[in-house]
Amino acid sequence: MKFIKGFVVTIALYVGLSLLFTLIGSYLDLPESVGLFFSSLASIAPVFYLNLVNPVILSVFQGTEAYITDPTNLSLLFVILGAVVPVIVAALIGALVEKKSGSVKYIFLSTFVGLLVAAAIGMILQIVGWMPLGVSFDTIAKFLTGGLIMSALNAFIWCAIGVFVTSKGWG
């Protein structure tokens, strides 16, 4: 039971916030694009893995620079927030929920595995969505390798911050 609470909360928060920011960003861009969002597995899959796989530092800096020059572009603001907020909130709240276990190992492991499971589900959905398109095995192998490495690195960093915050008594 120690592991399950933080694990489930991490997955639920990450997927829910990613979906929320994706829907708001796509609705502000083109209101009719929200219907296209639910049209296939390949369009839903990035909700699970995109914020974990992308190196967000450069994209957030570029997006912030573009937003400063055009502050009326709310869809860009939600893309920037959607790149950062779901991972941060999921890792921190998952760590706070798991704090009652009293073990740093459980705090880190439940949030880390929760984020990796969400990313793996998204990658599987993406590959299943690509199957009818005839995407090559080489492309799928590169996607999985790069995606899993970046997901693990990103999840590790945010889960370590979550452990640091909960162990210092800030949460």
N, C-alpha and C. Protein backbone atom coordinates (compact mmCIF):
# COMPACT_ATOMS: atom_id res chain seq x y z
N MET A 1 0.82 -1.20 0.00
CA MET A 1 0.00 0.00 0.00
C MET A 1 0.86 1.26 0.00
N LYS A 2 2.07 1.14 0.55
CA LYS A 2 2.94 2.30 0.60
C LYS A 2 3.25 2.82 -0.79
N PHE A 3 3.54 1.93 -1.69
CA PHE A 3 3.96 2.29 -3.03
C PHE A 3 2.80 2.74 -3.91
N ILE A 4 1.65 2.15 -3.75
CA ILE A 4 0.52 2.32 -4.66
C ILE A 4 -0.06 3.74 -4.64
N LYS A 5 -0.18 4.36 -3.48
CA LYS A 5 -0.79 5.69 -3.42
C LYS A 5 -0.02 6.72 -4.23
N GLY A 6 1.26 6.81 -4.01
CA GLY A 6 2.08 7.77 -4.76
C GLY A 6 2.14 7.44 -6.24
N PHE A 7 2.18 6.16 -6.56
CA PHE A 7 2.22 5.68 -7.94
C PHE A 7 0.97 6.10 -8.70
N VAL A 8 -0.18 5.83 -8.14
CA VAL A 8 -1.46 6.15 -8.80
C VAL A 8 -1.67 7.65 -8.89
N VAL A 9 -1.37 8.38 -7.83
CA VAL A 9 -1.53 9.84 -7.84
C VAL A 9 -0.62 10.48 -8.88
N THR A 10 0.60 9.98 -8.99
CA THR A 10 1.54 10.52 -9.97
C THR A 10 1.02 10.32 -11.39
N ILE A 11 0.57 9.12 -11.70
CA ILE A 11 0.05 8.85 -13.05
C ILE A 11 -1.19 9.69 -13.33
N ALA A 12 -2.11 9.72 -12.37
CA ALA A 12 -3.37 10.46 -12.58
C ALA A 12 -3.11 11.96 -12.78
N LEU A 13 -2.27 12.54 -11.96
CA LEU A 13 -1.98 13.97 -12.09
C LEU A 13 -1.24 14.27 -13.39
N TYR A 14 -0.27 13.46 -13.73
CA TYR A 14 0.50 13.72 -14.95
C TYR A 14 -0.39 13.62 -16.19
N VAL A 15 -1.15 12.55 -16.31
CA VAL A 15 -2.00 12.38 -17.49
C VAL A 15 -3.11 13.42 -17.51
N GLY A 16 -3.73 13.67 -16.37
CA GLY A 16 -4.81 14.65 -16.32
C GLY A 16 -4.36 16.06 -16.67
N LEU A 17 -3.24 16.49 -16.10
CA LEU A 17 -2.75 17.84 -16.42
C LEU A 17 -2.23 17.94 -17.85
N SER A 18 -1.59 16.89 -18.33
CA SER A 18 -1.13 16.90 -19.73
C SER A 18 -2.31 17.01 -20.68
N LEU A 19 -3.37 16.25 -20.40
CA LEU A 19 -4.57 16.31 -21.23
C LEU A 19 -5.21 17.69 -21.16
N LEU A 20 -5.28 18.25 -19.97
CA LEU A 20 -5.88 19.57 -19.79
C LEU A 20 -5.12 20.64 -20.59
N PHE A 21 -3.81 20.68 -20.44
CA PHE A 21 -3.03 21.69 -21.16
C PHE A 21 -3.05 21.47 -22.67
N THR A 22 -3.05 20.21 -23.09
CA THR A 22 -3.11 19.93 -24.52
C THR A 22 -4.45 20.38 -25.11
N LEU A 23 -5.53 20.08 -24.42
CA LEU A 23 -6.86 20.47 -24.91
C LEU A 23 -7.02 22.00 -24.91
N ILE A 24 -6.58 22.65 -23.86
CA ILE A 24 -6.70 24.11 -23.82
C ILE A 24 -5.85 24.75 -24.91
N GLY A 25 -4.61 24.28 -25.05
CA GLY A 25 -3.73 24.83 -26.07
C GLY A 25 -4.24 24.61 -27.48
N SER A 26 -4.80 23.42 -27.74
CA SER A 26 -5.31 23.16 -29.08
C SER A 26 -6.63 23.89 -29.32
N TYR A 27 -7.43 24.06 -28.27
CA TYR A 27 -8.70 24.78 -28.44
C TYR A 27 -8.44 26.26 -28.71
N LEU A 28 -7.47 26.85 -28.02
CA LEU A 28 -7.17 28.26 -28.25
C LEU A 28 -6.57 28.49 -29.63
N ASP A 29 -5.85 27.48 -30.13
CA ASP A 29 -5.24 27.60 -31.45
C ASP A 29 -6.30 27.52 -32.54
N LEU A 30 -7.03 26.43 -32.56
CA LEU A 30 -8.13 26.23 -33.51
C LEU A 30 -9.24 25.47 -32.79
N PRO A 31 -10.36 26.08 -32.49
CA PRO A 31 -11.41 25.40 -31.72
C PRO A 31 -11.88 24.08 -32.35
N GLU A 32 -11.85 23.98 -33.66
CA GLU A 32 -12.31 22.74 -34.29
C GLU A 32 -11.26 21.63 -34.22
N SER A 33 -10.02 21.95 -33.79
CA SER A 33 -8.97 20.93 -33.73
C SER A 33 -9.15 20.00 -32.55
N VAL A 34 -9.98 20.35 -31.57
CA VAL A 34 -10.20 19.48 -30.42
C VAL A 34 -10.86 18.18 -30.86
N GLY A 35 -11.75 18.22 -31.84
CA GLY A 35 -12.36 17.00 -32.36
C GLY A 35 -11.34 16.12 -33.04
N LEU A 36 -10.36 16.71 -33.71
CA LEU A 36 -9.30 15.95 -34.35
C LEU A 36 -8.37 15.32 -33.33
N PHE A 37 -8.30 15.92 -32.15
CA PHE A 37 -7.43 15.41 -31.11
C PHE A 37 -7.84 14.00 -30.69
N PHE A 38 -9.11 13.72 -30.65
CA PHE A 38 -9.60 12.41 -30.23
C PHE A 38 -9.83 11.46 -31.39
N SER A 39 -9.31 11.79 -32.57
CA SER A 39 -9.62 11.00 -33.75
C SER A 39 -8.81 9.71 -33.87
N SER A 40 -7.64 9.61 -33.22
CA SER A 40 -6.84 8.40 -33.35
C SER A 40 -5.94 8.22 -32.15
N LEU A 41 -5.39 7.01 -32.04
CA LEU A 41 -4.45 6.73 -30.96
C LEU A 41 -3.20 7.59 -31.08
N ALA A 42 -2.75 7.82 -32.31
CA ALA A 42 -1.54 8.60 -32.52
C ALA A 42 -1.71 10.05 -32.08
N SER A 43 -2.94 10.54 -32.05
CA SER A 43 -3.14 11.92 -31.59
C SER A 43 -3.28 12.00 -30.07
N ILE A 44 -3.69 10.92 -29.42
CA ILE A 44 -3.84 10.90 -27.96
C ILE A 44 -2.53 10.50 -27.28
N ALA A 45 -1.71 9.67 -27.92
CA ALA A 45 -0.50 9.13 -27.32
C ALA A 45 0.46 10.19 -26.78
N PRO A 46 0.69 11.32 -27.49
CA PRO A 46 1.64 12.31 -26.94
C PRO A 46 1.25 12.88 -25.59
N VAL A 47 -0.01 12.82 -25.20
CA VAL A 47 -0.42 13.29 -23.88
C VAL A 47 0.34 12.53 -22.81
N PHE A 48 0.59 11.24 -23.03
CA PHE A 48 1.24 10.41 -22.02
C PHE A 48 2.75 10.58 -21.98
N TYR A 49 3.39 10.80 -23.12
CA TYR A 49 4.85 10.78 -23.12
C TYR A 49 5.53 12.10 -23.52
N LEU A 50 4.84 12.99 -24.20
CA LEU A 50 5.51 14.13 -24.81
C LEU A 50 6.23 15.03 -23.81
N ASN A 51 5.60 15.32 -22.68
CA ASN A 51 6.23 16.20 -21.69
C ASN A 51 7.41 15.55 -21.00
N LEU A 52 7.48 14.23 -21.01
CA LEU A 52 8.61 13.53 -20.41
C LEU A 52 9.75 13.32 -21.39
N VAL A 53 9.43 13.15 -22.66
CA VAL A 53 10.45 12.82 -23.66
C VAL A 53 11.18 14.06 -24.16
N ASN A 54 10.48 15.16 -24.30
CA ASN A 54 11.10 16.36 -24.86
C ASN A 54 12.01 17.02 -23.84
N PRO A 55 13.22 17.44 -24.29
CA PRO A 55 14.04 18.27 -23.42
C PRO A 55 13.42 19.66 -23.35
N VAL A 56 12.82 19.98 -22.23
CA VAL A 56 11.95 21.16 -22.17
C VAL A 56 12.69 22.48 -21.98
N ILE A 57 13.92 22.47 -21.56
CA ILE A 57 14.60 23.73 -21.23
C ILE A 57 14.68 24.64 -22.45
N LEU A 58 15.18 24.12 -23.56
CA LEU A 58 15.32 24.94 -24.76
C LEU A 58 13.96 25.35 -25.32
N SER A 59 13.01 24.42 -25.35
CA SER A 59 11.70 24.76 -25.90
C SER A 59 10.97 25.77 -25.02
N VAL A 60 11.14 25.70 -23.71
CA VAL A 60 10.51 26.68 -22.81
C VAL A 60 11.15 28.05 -23.00
N PHE A 61 12.47 28.11 -23.13
CA PHE A 61 13.13 29.40 -23.37
C PHE A 61 12.68 30.01 -24.70
N GLN A 62 12.64 29.19 -25.75
CA GLN A 62 12.21 29.69 -27.05
C GLN A 62 10.75 30.12 -27.01
N GLY A 63 9.91 29.31 -26.36
CA GLY A 63 8.50 29.66 -26.24
C GLY A 63 8.28 30.91 -25.43
N THR A 64 9.05 31.09 -24.36
CA THR A 64 8.93 32.28 -23.52
C THR A 64 9.36 33.51 -24.30
N GLU A 65 10.42 33.38 -25.05
CA GLU A 65 10.87 34.50 -25.88
C GLU A 65 9.81 34.88 -26.90
N ALA A 66 9.20 33.89 -27.52
CA ALA A 66 8.13 34.16 -28.49
C ALA A 66 6.90 34.75 -27.81
N TYR A 67 6.61 34.28 -26.59
CA TYR A 67 5.44 34.80 -25.87
C TYR A 67 5.66 36.24 -25.43
N ILE A 68 6.87 36.58 -25.05
CA ILE A 68 7.17 37.97 -24.65
C ILE A 68 6.95 38.92 -25.81
N THR A 69 7.32 38.50 -27.01
CA THR A 69 7.12 39.37 -28.17
C THR A 69 5.66 39.43 -28.60
N ASP A 70 4.87 38.40 -28.26
CA ASP A 70 3.45 38.39 -28.61
C ASP A 70 2.63 37.87 -27.43
N PRO A 71 2.38 38.71 -26.40
CA PRO A 71 1.68 38.24 -25.19
C PRO A 71 0.19 37.94 -25.40
N THR A 72 -0.33 38.19 -26.57
CA THR A 72 -1.74 37.87 -26.82
C THR A 72 -1.92 36.42 -27.27
N ASN A 73 -0.85 35.72 -27.53
CA ASN A 73 -0.91 34.34 -28.00
C ASN A 73 -1.06 33.39 -26.81
N LEU A 74 -2.29 33.18 -26.38
CA LEU A 74 -2.54 32.35 -25.21
C LEU A 74 -2.26 30.87 -25.47
N SER A 75 -2.42 30.42 -26.70
CA SER A 75 -2.12 29.01 -26.98
C SER A 75 -0.64 28.73 -26.75
N LEU A 76 0.22 29.68 -27.07
CA LEU A 76 1.66 29.51 -26.82
C LEU A 76 1.94 29.47 -25.32
N LEU A 77 1.23 30.28 -24.55
CA LEU A 77 1.39 30.26 -23.10
C LEU A 77 1.03 28.89 -22.54
N PHE A 78 -0.08 28.30 -23.02
CA PHE A 78 -0.48 27.00 -22.52
C PHE A 78 0.43 25.88 -23.00
N VAL A 79 1.07 26.05 -24.14
CA VAL A 79 2.07 25.08 -24.59
C VAL A 79 3.28 25.15 -23.66
N ILE A 80 3.70 26.35 -23.30
CA ILE A 80 4.84 26.51 -22.38
C ILE A 80 4.51 25.92 -21.02
N LEU A 81 3.36 26.28 -20.48
CA LEU A 81 2.96 25.74 -19.17
C LEU A 81 2.76 24.23 -19.23
N GLY A 82 2.20 23.74 -20.33
CA GLY A 82 1.97 22.31 -20.48
C GLY A 82 3.25 21.50 -20.59
N ALA A 83 4.33 22.14 -20.98
CA ALA A 83 5.61 21.44 -21.07
C ALA A 83 6.25 21.23 -19.70
N VAL A 84 5.88 22.05 -18.74
CA VAL A 84 6.56 22.01 -17.45
C VAL A 84 5.64 21.58 -16.30
N VAL A 85 4.46 22.15 -16.24
CA VAL A 85 3.59 21.98 -15.07
C VAL A 85 3.18 20.52 -14.80
N PRO A 86 2.76 19.73 -15.80
CA PRO A 86 2.32 18.36 -15.46
C PRO A 86 3.39 17.51 -14.79
N VAL A 87 4.62 17.59 -15.27
CA VAL A 87 5.69 16.78 -14.68
C VAL A 87 6.02 17.26 -13.27
N ILE A 88 6.12 18.57 -13.11
CA ILE A 88 6.46 19.12 -11.79
C ILE A 88 5.38 18.79 -10.77
N VAL A 89 4.14 19.06 -11.11
CA VAL A 89 3.05 18.84 -10.16
C VAL A 89 2.89 17.35 -9.84
N ALA A 90 2.98 16.50 -10.86
CA ALA A 90 2.83 15.06 -10.62
C ALA A 90 3.94 14.53 -9.70
N ALA A 91 5.17 14.94 -9.94
CA ALA A 91 6.29 14.47 -9.11
C ALA A 91 6.20 15.00 -7.69
N LEU A 92 5.86 16.28 -7.54
CA LEU A 92 5.81 16.86 -6.20
C LEU A 92 4.62 16.36 -5.39
N ILE A 93 3.45 16.33 -5.99
CA ILE A 93 2.27 15.86 -5.25
C ILE A 93 2.37 14.36 -4.98
N GLY A 94 2.88 13.59 -5.96
CA GLY A 94 3.09 12.16 -5.73
C GLY A 94 4.05 11.92 -4.58
N ALA A 95 5.10 12.73 -4.49
CA ALA A 95 6.06 12.60 -3.39
C ALA A 95 5.41 12.99 -2.06
N LEU A 96 4.59 14.03 -2.07
CA LEU A 96 3.92 14.43 -0.83
C LEU A 96 2.92 13.37 -0.36
N VAL A 97 2.21 12.76 -1.29
CA VAL A 97 1.27 11.70 -0.92
C VAL A 97 2.02 10.51 -0.35
N GLU A 98 3.16 10.21 -0.93
CA GLU A 98 3.95 9.05 -0.51
C GLU A 98 4.79 9.35 0.73
N LYS A 99 4.86 10.59 1.16
CA LYS A 99 5.67 10.99 2.30
C LYS A 99 5.29 10.24 3.57
N LYS A 100 4.03 9.87 3.70
CA LYS A 100 3.57 9.17 4.90
C LYS A 100 4.20 7.79 5.05
N SER A 101 4.76 7.25 3.96
CA SER A 101 5.41 5.95 4.08
C SER A 101 6.68 6.05 4.92
N GLY A 102 7.26 7.25 4.98
CA GLY A 102 8.44 7.46 5.80
C GLY A 102 9.73 6.95 5.19
N SER A 103 9.69 6.46 3.99
CA SER A 103 10.88 5.92 3.35
C SER A 103 11.19 6.69 2.08
N VAL A 104 12.41 7.20 1.98
CA VAL A 104 12.84 7.92 0.80
C VAL A 104 12.78 7.01 -0.43
N LYS A 105 13.08 5.75 -0.21
CA LYS A 105 13.06 4.77 -1.31
C LYS A 105 11.66 4.69 -1.92
N TYR A 106 10.64 4.59 -1.09
CA TYR A 106 9.27 4.51 -1.61
C TYR A 106 8.82 5.82 -2.24
N ILE A 107 9.23 6.92 -1.67
CA ILE A 107 8.85 8.23 -2.22
C ILE A 107 9.39 8.37 -3.63
N PHE A 108 10.68 8.11 -3.80
CA PHE A 108 11.30 8.24 -5.11
C PHE A 108 10.77 7.21 -6.09
N LEU A 109 10.73 5.96 -5.65
CA LEU A 109 10.36 4.87 -6.56
C LEU A 109 8.92 4.98 -7.05
N SER A 110 8.00 5.36 -6.19
CA SER A 110 6.60 5.43 -6.62
C SER A 110 6.39 6.53 -7.66
N THR A 111 7.01 7.68 -7.47
CA THR A 111 6.84 8.75 -8.44
C THR A 111 7.61 8.47 -9.72
N PHE A 112 8.81 7.93 -9.60
CA PHE A 112 9.63 7.62 -10.77
C PHE A 112 8.96 6.56 -11.65
N VAL A 113 8.54 5.48 -11.05
CA VAL A 113 7.89 4.41 -11.82
C VAL A 113 6.55 4.90 -12.37
N GLY A 114 5.84 5.73 -11.63
CA GLY A 114 4.57 6.28 -12.13
C GLY A 114 4.77 7.09 -13.40
N LEU A 115 5.77 7.95 -13.41
CA LEU A 115 6.04 8.75 -14.61
C LEU A 115 6.52 7.87 -15.77
N LEU A 116 7.32 6.86 -15.48
CA LEU A 116 7.79 5.98 -16.55
C LEU A 116 6.66 5.12 -17.12
N VAL A 117 5.74 4.70 -16.28
CA VAL A 117 4.60 3.92 -16.77
C VAL A 117 3.74 4.77 -17.69
N ALA A 118 3.50 6.01 -17.30
CA ALA A 118 2.73 6.91 -18.16
C ALA A 118 3.41 7.10 -19.51
N ALA A 119 4.72 7.30 -19.50
CA ALA A 119 5.47 7.47 -20.75
C ALA A 119 5.43 6.19 -21.59
N ALA A 120 5.57 5.04 -20.95
CA ALA A 120 5.55 3.77 -21.69
C ALA A 120 4.18 3.52 -22.32
N ILE A 121 3.11 3.85 -21.61
CA ILE A 121 1.76 3.70 -22.18
C ILE A 121 1.62 4.58 -23.42
N GLY A 122 2.08 5.81 -23.32
CA GLY A 122 2.01 6.72 -24.47
C GLY A 122 2.82 6.23 -25.65
N MET A 123 4.00 5.70 -25.38
CA MET A 123 4.83 5.20 -26.48
C MET A 123 4.21 3.97 -27.14
N ILE A 124 3.61 3.12 -26.35
CA ILE A 124 2.92 1.95 -26.91
C ILE A 124 1.74 2.40 -27.77
N LEU A 125 0.96 3.36 -27.27
CA LEU A 125 -0.15 3.88 -28.06
C LEU A 125 0.34 4.53 -29.35
N GLN A 126 1.46 5.22 -29.29
CA GLN A 126 2.02 5.86 -30.48
C GLN A 126 2.42 4.81 -31.51
N ILE A 127 3.07 3.76 -31.08
CA ILE A 127 3.50 2.71 -32.01
C ILE A 127 2.29 1.99 -32.60
N VAL A 128 1.28 1.73 -31.78
CA VAL A 128 0.05 1.11 -32.29
C VAL A 128 -0.62 2.03 -33.30
N GLY A 129 -0.58 3.32 -33.06
CA GLY A 129 -1.14 4.28 -34.02
C GLY A 129 -0.35 4.37 -35.30
N TRP A 130 0.95 4.09 -35.23
CA TRP A 130 1.79 4.12 -36.42
C TRP A 130 1.67 2.87 -37.27
N MET A 131 1.24 1.75 -36.69
CA MET A 131 1.21 0.48 -37.41
C MET A 131 0.45 0.55 -38.74
N PRO A 132 -0.74 1.14 -38.79
CA PRO A 132 -1.43 1.20 -40.09
C PRO A 132 -0.70 2.07 -41.12
N LEU A 133 0.18 2.95 -40.66
CA LEU A 133 0.90 3.84 -41.57
C LEU A 133 2.15 3.19 -42.16
N GLY A 134 2.53 2.02 -41.65
CA GLY A 134 3.69 1.32 -42.17
C GLY A 134 5.01 1.95 -41.78
N VAL A 135 5.12 2.47 -40.56
CA VAL A 135 6.36 3.07 -40.09
C VAL A 135 7.41 1.97 -39.94
N SER A 136 8.64 2.25 -40.33
CA SER A 136 9.69 1.24 -40.33
C SER A 136 10.10 0.85 -38.91
N PHE A 137 10.65 -0.36 -38.80
CA PHE A 137 11.12 -0.86 -37.51
C PHE A 137 12.27 0.01 -36.98
N ASP A 138 13.10 0.52 -37.87
CA ASP A 138 14.22 1.36 -37.48
C ASP A 138 13.72 2.65 -36.80
N THR A 139 12.69 3.24 -37.35
CA THR A 139 12.11 4.45 -36.77
C THR A 139 11.52 4.16 -35.39
N ILE A 140 10.83 3.04 -35.27
CA ILE A 140 10.24 2.66 -33.98
C ILE A 140 11.33 2.40 -32.95
N ALA A 141 12.41 1.73 -33.35
CA ALA A 141 13.51 1.44 -32.42
C ALA A 141 14.17 2.73 -31.94
N LYS A 142 14.38 3.67 -32.84
CA LYS A 142 14.98 4.95 -32.45
C LYS A 142 14.04 5.73 -31.53
N PHE A 143 12.75 5.69 -31.85
CA PHE A 143 11.76 6.38 -31.03
C PHE A 143 11.73 5.80 -29.62
N LEU A 144 11.71 4.49 -29.49
CA LEU A 144 11.68 3.86 -28.18
C LEU A 144 12.95 4.12 -27.38
N THR A 145 14.09 3.99 -28.03
CA THR A 145 15.36 4.20 -27.33
C THR A 145 15.48 5.63 -26.82
N GLY A 146 15.31 6.58 -27.71
CA GLY A 146 15.42 7.98 -27.31
C GLY A 146 14.34 8.37 -26.32
N GLY A 147 13.12 7.90 -26.55
CA GLY A 147 12.01 8.24 -25.67
C GLY A 147 12.18 7.70 -24.27
N LEU A 148 12.61 6.46 -24.15
CA LEU A 148 12.78 5.88 -22.82
C LEU A 148 13.95 6.51 -22.07
N ILE A 149 15.04 6.81 -22.78
CA ILE A 149 16.18 7.44 -22.13
C ILE A 149 15.81 8.84 -21.62
N MET A 150 15.18 9.63 -22.47
CA MET A 150 14.81 10.99 -22.05
C MET A 150 13.73 10.97 -20.97
N SER A 151 12.78 10.05 -21.07
CA SER A 151 11.75 9.93 -20.04
C SER A 151 12.36 9.59 -18.69
N ALA A 152 13.27 8.63 -18.69
CA ALA A 152 13.91 8.23 -17.44
C ALA A 152 14.74 9.37 -16.85
N LEU A 153 15.45 10.09 -17.70
CA LEU A 153 16.27 11.20 -17.22
C LEU A 153 15.40 12.32 -16.64
N ASN A 154 14.37 12.70 -17.37
CA ASN A 154 13.48 13.76 -16.92
C ASN A 154 12.74 13.35 -15.64
N ALA A 155 12.23 12.11 -15.61
CA ALA A 155 11.54 11.62 -14.41
C ALA A 155 12.49 11.56 -13.22
N PHE A 156 13.72 11.13 -13.45
CA PHE A 156 14.71 11.06 -12.37
C PHE A 156 14.95 12.43 -11.75
N ILE A 157 15.13 13.43 -12.59
CA ILE A 157 15.40 14.78 -12.09
C ILE A 157 14.24 15.30 -11.25
N TRP A 158 13.01 15.18 -11.77
CA TRP A 158 11.87 15.73 -11.03
C TRP A 158 11.54 14.91 -9.80
N CYS A 159 11.74 13.62 -9.84
CA CYS A 159 11.49 12.80 -8.66
C CYS A 159 12.53 13.06 -7.58
N ALA A 160 13.77 13.32 -7.99
CA ALA A 160 14.81 13.68 -7.03
C ALA A 160 14.47 15.01 -6.35
N ILE A 161 13.95 15.95 -7.11
CA ILE A 161 13.52 17.22 -6.53
C ILE A 161 12.35 16.99 -5.57
N GLY A 162 11.43 16.10 -5.95
CA GLY A 162 10.31 15.76 -5.06
C GLY A 162 10.78 15.15 -3.75
N VAL A 163 11.76 14.27 -3.81
CA VAL A 163 12.31 13.67 -2.59
C VAL A 163 13.01 14.74 -1.76
N PHE A 164 13.73 15.62 -2.41
CA PHE A 164 14.41 16.70 -1.69
C PHE A 164 13.41 17.59 -0.96
N VAL A 165 12.35 17.95 -1.64
CA VAL A 165 11.34 18.83 -1.04
C VAL A 165 10.65 18.14 0.13
N THR A 166 10.30 16.87 -0.02
CA THR A 166 9.61 16.18 1.08
C THR A 166 10.54 15.84 2.22
N SER A 167 11.81 15.60 1.95
CA SER A 167 12.72 15.25 3.04
C SER A 167 13.16 16.47 3.84
N LYS A 168 13.11 17.65 3.25
CA LYS A 168 13.48 18.87 3.96
C LYS A 168 12.33 19.47 4.76
N GLY A 169 11.16 18.89 4.65
CA GLY A 169 10.03 19.39 5.40
C GLY A 169 9.34 20.57 4.79
N TRP A 170 9.58 20.83 3.49
CA TRP A 170 8.92 21.95 2.83
C TRP A 170 7.49 21.62 2.43
N GLY A 171 7.18 20.34 2.32
CA GLY A 171 5.86 19.94 1.82
C GLY A 171 4.94 19.52 2.91
